[in-house]
N, C-alpha and C. Protein backbone atom coordinates (compact mmCIF):
# COMPACT_ATOMS: atom_id res chain seq x y z
N MET A 1 -4.40 6.85 21.77
CA MET A 1 -5.04 7.96 22.44
C MET A 1 -6.48 8.09 21.98
N ARG A 2 -7.28 8.64 22.81
CA ARG A 2 -8.69 8.85 22.46
C ARG A 2 -8.83 10.02 21.52
N LYS A 3 -9.91 9.98 20.77
CA LYS A 3 -10.22 11.10 19.89
C LYS A 3 -10.56 12.33 20.72
N GLY A 4 -10.12 13.48 20.24
CA GLY A 4 -10.44 14.72 20.93
C GLY A 4 -9.40 15.13 21.95
N ARG A 5 -8.47 14.27 22.26
CA ARG A 5 -7.40 14.62 23.21
C ARG A 5 -6.17 15.03 22.42
N PRO A 6 -5.45 16.02 22.93
CA PRO A 6 -4.24 16.42 22.21
C PRO A 6 -3.20 15.31 22.25
N ASN A 7 -2.43 15.19 21.18
CA ASN A 7 -1.38 14.19 21.10
C ASN A 7 -0.06 14.85 21.52
N TYR A 8 0.45 14.50 22.69
CA TYR A 8 1.67 15.10 23.21
C TYR A 8 2.86 14.27 22.78
N PRO A 9 3.95 14.92 22.36
CA PRO A 9 5.16 14.14 22.07
C PRO A 9 5.74 13.60 23.38
N SER A 10 6.25 12.38 23.34
CA SER A 10 6.73 11.75 24.57
C SER A 10 8.00 12.41 25.11
N TRP A 11 8.74 13.14 24.27
CA TRP A 11 9.97 13.79 24.73
C TRP A 11 9.71 15.11 25.44
N LEU A 12 8.48 15.62 25.37
CA LEU A 12 8.15 16.91 25.96
C LEU A 12 8.26 16.83 27.48
N PRO A 13 9.09 17.70 28.10
CA PRO A 13 9.22 17.66 29.57
C PRO A 13 7.94 18.15 30.23
N PRO A 14 7.69 17.71 31.47
CA PRO A 14 6.47 18.14 32.16
C PRO A 14 6.51 19.62 32.52
N ASN A 15 5.33 20.24 32.47
CA ASN A 15 5.22 21.63 32.89
C ASN A 15 5.08 21.67 34.42
N PRO A 16 5.09 22.85 35.05
CA PRO A 16 5.03 22.92 36.52
C PRO A 16 3.80 22.24 37.12
N ARG A 17 2.64 22.38 36.48
CA ARG A 17 1.43 21.72 37.01
C ARG A 17 1.58 20.20 36.96
N GLU A 18 2.16 19.70 35.87
CA GLU A 18 2.36 18.25 35.74
C GLU A 18 3.40 17.75 36.73
N ARG A 19 4.43 18.56 36.99
CA ARG A 19 5.45 18.16 37.97
C ARG A 19 4.85 17.98 39.36
N ILE A 20 3.94 18.87 39.72
CA ILE A 20 3.28 18.75 41.03
C ILE A 20 2.47 17.47 41.10
N ALA A 21 1.71 17.17 40.05
CA ALA A 21 0.91 15.95 40.03
C ALA A 21 1.79 14.71 40.02
N LEU A 22 2.90 14.74 39.30
CA LEU A 22 3.83 13.60 39.29
C LEU A 22 4.45 13.39 40.66
N ARG A 23 4.75 14.48 41.36
CA ARG A 23 5.29 14.38 42.71
C ARG A 23 4.27 13.73 43.64
N GLN A 24 2.99 14.04 43.47
CA GLN A 24 1.95 13.43 44.29
C GLN A 24 1.81 11.94 43.98
N ILE A 25 1.95 11.55 42.72
CA ILE A 25 1.89 10.13 42.37
C ILE A 25 3.06 9.39 43.00
N ARG A 26 4.28 9.95 42.89
CA ARG A 26 5.46 9.33 43.51
C ARG A 26 5.28 9.20 45.02
N ARG A 27 4.75 10.25 45.64
CA ARG A 27 4.54 10.24 47.08
C ARG A 27 3.54 9.15 47.49
N SER A 28 2.46 9.01 46.73
CA SER A 28 1.47 7.98 47.07
C SER A 28 2.03 6.58 46.85
N GLN A 29 2.87 6.39 45.82
CA GLN A 29 3.51 5.09 45.62
C GLN A 29 4.41 4.75 46.81
N ARG A 30 5.20 5.71 47.25
CA ARG A 30 6.09 5.47 48.39
C ARG A 30 5.32 5.20 49.68
N LEU A 31 4.21 5.89 49.87
CA LEU A 31 3.39 5.67 51.06
C LEU A 31 2.88 4.24 51.12
N VAL A 32 2.41 3.72 49.99
CA VAL A 32 1.88 2.36 49.98
C VAL A 32 3.00 1.35 50.21
N ILE A 33 4.16 1.57 49.61
CA ILE A 33 5.28 0.65 49.83
C ILE A 33 5.71 0.70 51.30
N PHE A 34 5.76 1.89 51.88
CA PHE A 34 6.09 2.02 53.30
C PHE A 34 5.06 1.29 54.16
N TRP A 35 3.78 1.41 53.80
CA TRP A 35 2.71 0.72 54.53
C TRP A 35 2.92 -0.79 54.46
N MET A 36 3.27 -1.29 53.27
CA MET A 36 3.49 -2.73 53.10
C MET A 36 4.64 -3.22 53.98
N VAL A 37 5.74 -2.49 53.97
CA VAL A 37 6.91 -2.88 54.74
C VAL A 37 6.65 -2.76 56.23
N GLY A 38 5.78 -1.85 56.62
CA GLY A 38 5.49 -1.62 58.03
C GLY A 38 4.72 -2.73 58.71
N LEU A 39 4.21 -3.71 57.97
CA LEU A 39 3.44 -4.79 58.58
C LEU A 39 4.27 -5.59 59.58
N LEU A 40 5.49 -5.93 59.22
CA LEU A 40 6.31 -6.76 60.12
C LEU A 40 6.62 -6.04 61.43
N PRO A 41 7.12 -4.82 61.42
CA PRO A 41 7.35 -4.15 62.71
C PRO A 41 6.06 -3.95 63.51
N ALA A 42 4.97 -3.64 62.83
CA ALA A 42 3.70 -3.45 63.55
C ALA A 42 3.25 -4.76 64.19
N GLY A 43 3.41 -5.87 63.48
CA GLY A 43 3.05 -7.17 64.05
C GLY A 43 3.90 -7.52 65.25
N TRP A 44 5.19 -7.26 65.16
CA TRP A 44 6.08 -7.53 66.30
C TRP A 44 5.73 -6.65 67.49
N ILE A 45 5.46 -5.39 67.24
CA ILE A 45 5.09 -4.48 68.34
C ILE A 45 3.79 -4.92 68.99
N ALA A 46 2.80 -5.31 68.17
CA ALA A 46 1.53 -5.78 68.73
C ALA A 46 1.73 -7.04 69.55
N ALA A 47 2.57 -7.94 69.07
CA ALA A 47 2.82 -9.17 69.82
C ALA A 47 3.56 -8.88 71.12
N LEU A 48 4.48 -7.95 71.11
CA LEU A 48 5.20 -7.60 72.33
C LEU A 48 4.32 -6.88 73.34
N LEU A 49 3.46 -5.98 72.86
CA LEU A 49 2.59 -5.23 73.78
C LEU A 49 1.52 -6.11 74.41
N THR A 50 0.96 -7.01 73.64
CA THR A 50 -0.10 -7.86 74.17
C THR A 50 0.43 -9.15 74.79
N ARG A 51 1.72 -9.43 74.59
CA ARG A 51 2.36 -10.66 75.08
C ARG A 51 1.62 -11.91 74.59
N SER A 52 1.04 -11.76 73.41
CA SER A 52 0.31 -12.87 72.81
C SER A 52 0.29 -12.66 71.30
N ASP A 53 0.01 -13.71 70.58
CA ASP A 53 -0.06 -13.58 69.13
C ASP A 53 -1.50 -13.61 68.62
N TYR A 54 -2.48 -13.52 69.50
CA TYR A 54 -3.88 -13.57 69.08
C TYR A 54 -4.28 -12.33 68.27
N LEU A 55 -3.58 -11.24 68.41
CA LEU A 55 -3.88 -10.02 67.69
C LEU A 55 -3.22 -9.98 66.31
N PHE A 56 -2.28 -10.88 66.07
CA PHE A 56 -1.51 -10.83 64.84
C PHE A 56 -2.37 -11.12 63.60
N VAL A 57 -3.26 -12.08 63.65
CA VAL A 57 -4.09 -12.42 62.48
C VAL A 57 -5.05 -11.29 62.13
N PRO A 58 -5.83 -10.74 63.07
CA PRO A 58 -6.70 -9.61 62.70
C PRO A 58 -5.91 -8.40 62.20
N LEU A 59 -4.75 -8.14 62.83
CA LEU A 59 -3.92 -7.03 62.39
C LEU A 59 -3.42 -7.26 60.96
N THR A 60 -3.02 -8.46 60.64
CA THR A 60 -2.55 -8.78 59.29
C THR A 60 -3.66 -8.64 58.27
N VAL A 61 -4.84 -9.12 58.57
CA VAL A 61 -5.97 -9.00 57.65
C VAL A 61 -6.30 -7.52 57.43
N PHE A 62 -6.36 -6.76 58.51
CA PHE A 62 -6.62 -5.32 58.40
C PHE A 62 -5.55 -4.65 57.55
N TRP A 63 -4.28 -4.97 57.82
CA TRP A 63 -3.16 -4.36 57.10
C TRP A 63 -3.23 -4.65 55.61
N ILE A 64 -3.54 -5.88 55.26
CA ILE A 64 -3.61 -6.27 53.84
C ILE A 64 -4.79 -5.59 53.16
N LEU A 65 -5.94 -5.50 53.82
CA LEU A 65 -7.09 -4.82 53.22
C LEU A 65 -6.81 -3.35 52.97
N VAL A 66 -6.20 -2.67 53.93
CA VAL A 66 -5.86 -1.27 53.75
C VAL A 66 -4.81 -1.13 52.64
N ASP A 67 -3.88 -2.06 52.57
CA ASP A 67 -2.86 -2.04 51.53
C ASP A 67 -3.47 -2.18 50.14
N ILE A 68 -4.44 -3.06 49.98
CA ILE A 68 -5.11 -3.22 48.69
C ILE A 68 -5.87 -1.96 48.31
N ILE A 69 -6.55 -1.35 49.28
CA ILE A 69 -7.29 -0.11 49.00
C ILE A 69 -6.33 1.01 48.60
N LEU A 70 -5.22 1.16 49.31
CA LEU A 70 -4.25 2.20 48.97
C LEU A 70 -3.62 1.95 47.61
N ALA A 71 -3.27 0.71 47.31
CA ALA A 71 -2.67 0.39 46.01
C ALA A 71 -3.67 0.63 44.88
N GLN A 72 -4.94 0.35 45.13
CA GLN A 72 -5.97 0.62 44.12
C GLN A 72 -6.09 2.11 43.86
N ARG A 73 -6.01 2.92 44.90
CA ARG A 73 -6.07 4.37 44.72
C ARG A 73 -4.89 4.88 43.90
N VAL A 74 -3.71 4.30 44.11
CA VAL A 74 -2.54 4.68 43.32
C VAL A 74 -2.77 4.30 41.86
N ALA A 75 -3.35 3.14 41.63
CA ALA A 75 -3.58 2.67 40.26
C ALA A 75 -4.61 3.54 39.53
N MET A 76 -5.48 4.21 40.25
CA MET A 76 -6.52 5.02 39.62
C MET A 76 -6.11 6.47 39.39
N ASN A 77 -4.88 6.84 39.77
CA ASN A 77 -4.43 8.22 39.57
C ASN A 77 -4.43 8.56 38.08
N PRO A 78 -4.99 9.72 37.71
CA PRO A 78 -4.94 10.12 36.30
C PRO A 78 -3.58 10.72 35.95
N CYS A 79 -3.20 10.54 34.72
CA CYS A 79 -1.97 11.16 34.22
C CYS A 79 -2.23 12.67 34.11
N PRO A 80 -1.31 13.49 34.60
CA PRO A 80 -1.54 14.93 34.52
C PRO A 80 -1.47 15.47 33.09
N ARG A 81 -0.90 14.72 32.17
CA ARG A 81 -0.77 15.20 30.80
C ARG A 81 -1.94 14.76 29.93
N CYS A 82 -2.23 13.47 29.89
CA CYS A 82 -3.25 12.98 28.95
C CYS A 82 -4.60 12.73 29.62
N GLY A 83 -4.66 12.65 30.94
CA GLY A 83 -5.92 12.45 31.64
C GLY A 83 -6.34 11.00 31.78
N GLU A 84 -5.64 10.09 31.09
CA GLU A 84 -5.94 8.66 31.24
C GLU A 84 -5.33 8.18 32.55
N ARG A 85 -5.68 6.94 32.94
CA ARG A 85 -5.05 6.38 34.14
C ARG A 85 -3.55 6.27 33.93
N PHE A 86 -2.78 6.75 34.89
CA PHE A 86 -1.32 6.72 34.77
C PHE A 86 -0.83 5.28 34.66
N CYS A 87 -1.43 4.40 35.41
CA CYS A 87 -1.05 2.98 35.41
C CYS A 87 -2.13 2.18 34.69
N ALA A 88 -2.29 2.41 33.40
CA ALA A 88 -3.37 1.78 32.65
C ALA A 88 -3.27 0.26 32.66
N GLY A 89 -2.06 -0.27 32.79
CA GLY A 89 -1.89 -1.72 32.82
C GLY A 89 -2.18 -2.33 34.17
N ALA A 90 -2.45 -1.50 35.17
CA ALA A 90 -2.65 -2.00 36.52
C ALA A 90 -4.04 -2.57 36.68
N GLN A 91 -4.09 -3.84 36.98
CA GLN A 91 -5.34 -4.52 37.27
C GLN A 91 -5.15 -5.22 38.60
N MET A 92 -6.18 -5.81 39.10
CA MET A 92 -6.09 -6.51 40.37
C MET A 92 -4.89 -7.43 40.33
N PRO A 93 -4.00 -7.44 41.23
CA PRO A 93 -3.98 -6.90 42.57
C PRO A 93 -3.35 -5.52 42.71
N TYR A 94 -3.16 -4.79 41.66
CA TYR A 94 -2.72 -3.40 41.71
C TYR A 94 -1.25 -3.21 42.10
N TRP A 95 -0.48 -4.26 42.28
CA TRP A 95 0.91 -4.09 42.70
C TRP A 95 1.75 -3.46 41.58
N TYR A 96 1.35 -3.66 40.35
CA TYR A 96 2.07 -3.08 39.23
C TYR A 96 2.14 -1.56 39.36
N SER A 97 1.10 -0.95 39.84
CA SER A 97 1.05 0.51 39.93
C SER A 97 2.05 1.08 40.92
N LEU A 98 2.53 0.27 41.86
CA LEU A 98 3.48 0.77 42.85
C LEU A 98 4.87 0.94 42.27
N PHE A 99 5.15 0.27 41.16
CA PHE A 99 6.48 0.31 40.57
C PHE A 99 6.47 0.87 39.16
N ASN A 100 5.32 1.32 38.70
CA ASN A 100 5.21 1.91 37.37
C ASN A 100 5.86 3.28 37.36
N ARG A 101 6.72 3.53 36.39
CA ARG A 101 7.45 4.80 36.34
C ARG A 101 7.05 5.66 35.14
N ARG A 102 6.16 5.17 34.29
CA ARG A 102 5.84 5.89 33.07
C ARG A 102 4.36 5.69 32.74
N CYS A 103 3.72 6.76 32.24
CA CYS A 103 2.32 6.67 31.83
C CYS A 103 2.22 5.69 30.66
N ALA A 104 1.28 4.79 30.74
CA ALA A 104 1.12 3.78 29.69
C ALA A 104 0.54 4.38 28.41
N THR A 105 -0.11 5.52 28.50
CA THR A 105 -0.75 6.12 27.33
C THR A 105 0.16 7.11 26.62
N CYS A 106 0.70 8.10 27.35
CA CYS A 106 1.46 9.17 26.68
C CYS A 106 2.96 9.09 26.92
N GLY A 107 3.42 8.25 27.82
CA GLY A 107 4.84 8.09 28.07
C GLY A 107 5.45 9.07 29.05
N LEU A 108 4.65 9.90 29.71
CA LEU A 108 5.16 10.84 30.70
C LEU A 108 5.84 10.06 31.82
N SER A 109 7.05 10.47 32.18
CA SER A 109 7.85 9.72 33.14
C SER A 109 7.77 10.32 34.53
N LEU A 110 7.80 9.45 35.54
CA LEU A 110 7.86 9.90 36.93
C LEU A 110 9.26 10.33 37.32
N ALA A 111 10.26 9.84 36.60
CA ALA A 111 11.65 10.17 36.94
C ALA A 111 11.86 11.67 36.79
N ARG A 112 12.61 12.22 37.70
CA ARG A 112 12.79 13.67 37.73
C ARG A 112 13.61 14.18 36.55
N ASP A 113 14.68 13.49 36.22
CA ASP A 113 15.58 13.98 35.18
C ASP A 113 15.51 13.16 33.90
N GLU A 114 14.84 12.03 33.95
CA GLU A 114 14.80 11.14 32.80
C GLU A 114 13.77 11.63 31.78
N PRO A 115 14.16 11.88 30.55
CA PRO A 115 13.17 12.26 29.55
C PRO A 115 12.34 11.05 29.14
N ALA A 116 11.09 11.27 28.84
CA ALA A 116 10.25 10.18 28.37
C ALA A 116 10.68 9.81 26.97
N VAL A 117 10.78 8.50 26.70
CA VAL A 117 11.26 8.05 25.39
C VAL A 117 10.11 7.48 24.59
């Protein structure tokens, strides 16, 4: 931990303000995963509507770029308890942040009932 920041015990449950922020982190992780999975149906729909596959490559490139931007935003979320990046280990390509369940700095957990160990 950095100097000047309070040292929180990892077993301490989140307070109401932290619970709201954790819920937003979980929601943003799910949104990015949903966006990733949505590429295949969107590609099929575009191919069916245009009756051609010429739109599939630009759509895929656009989808992947937006996916990287969204995953990067998830990786940059601050921890509501310690203020450091929640996914401190997340580096390019940022996919680690989509499945991270615990703050790398203070141990605050995204799980609703699981105590941080």
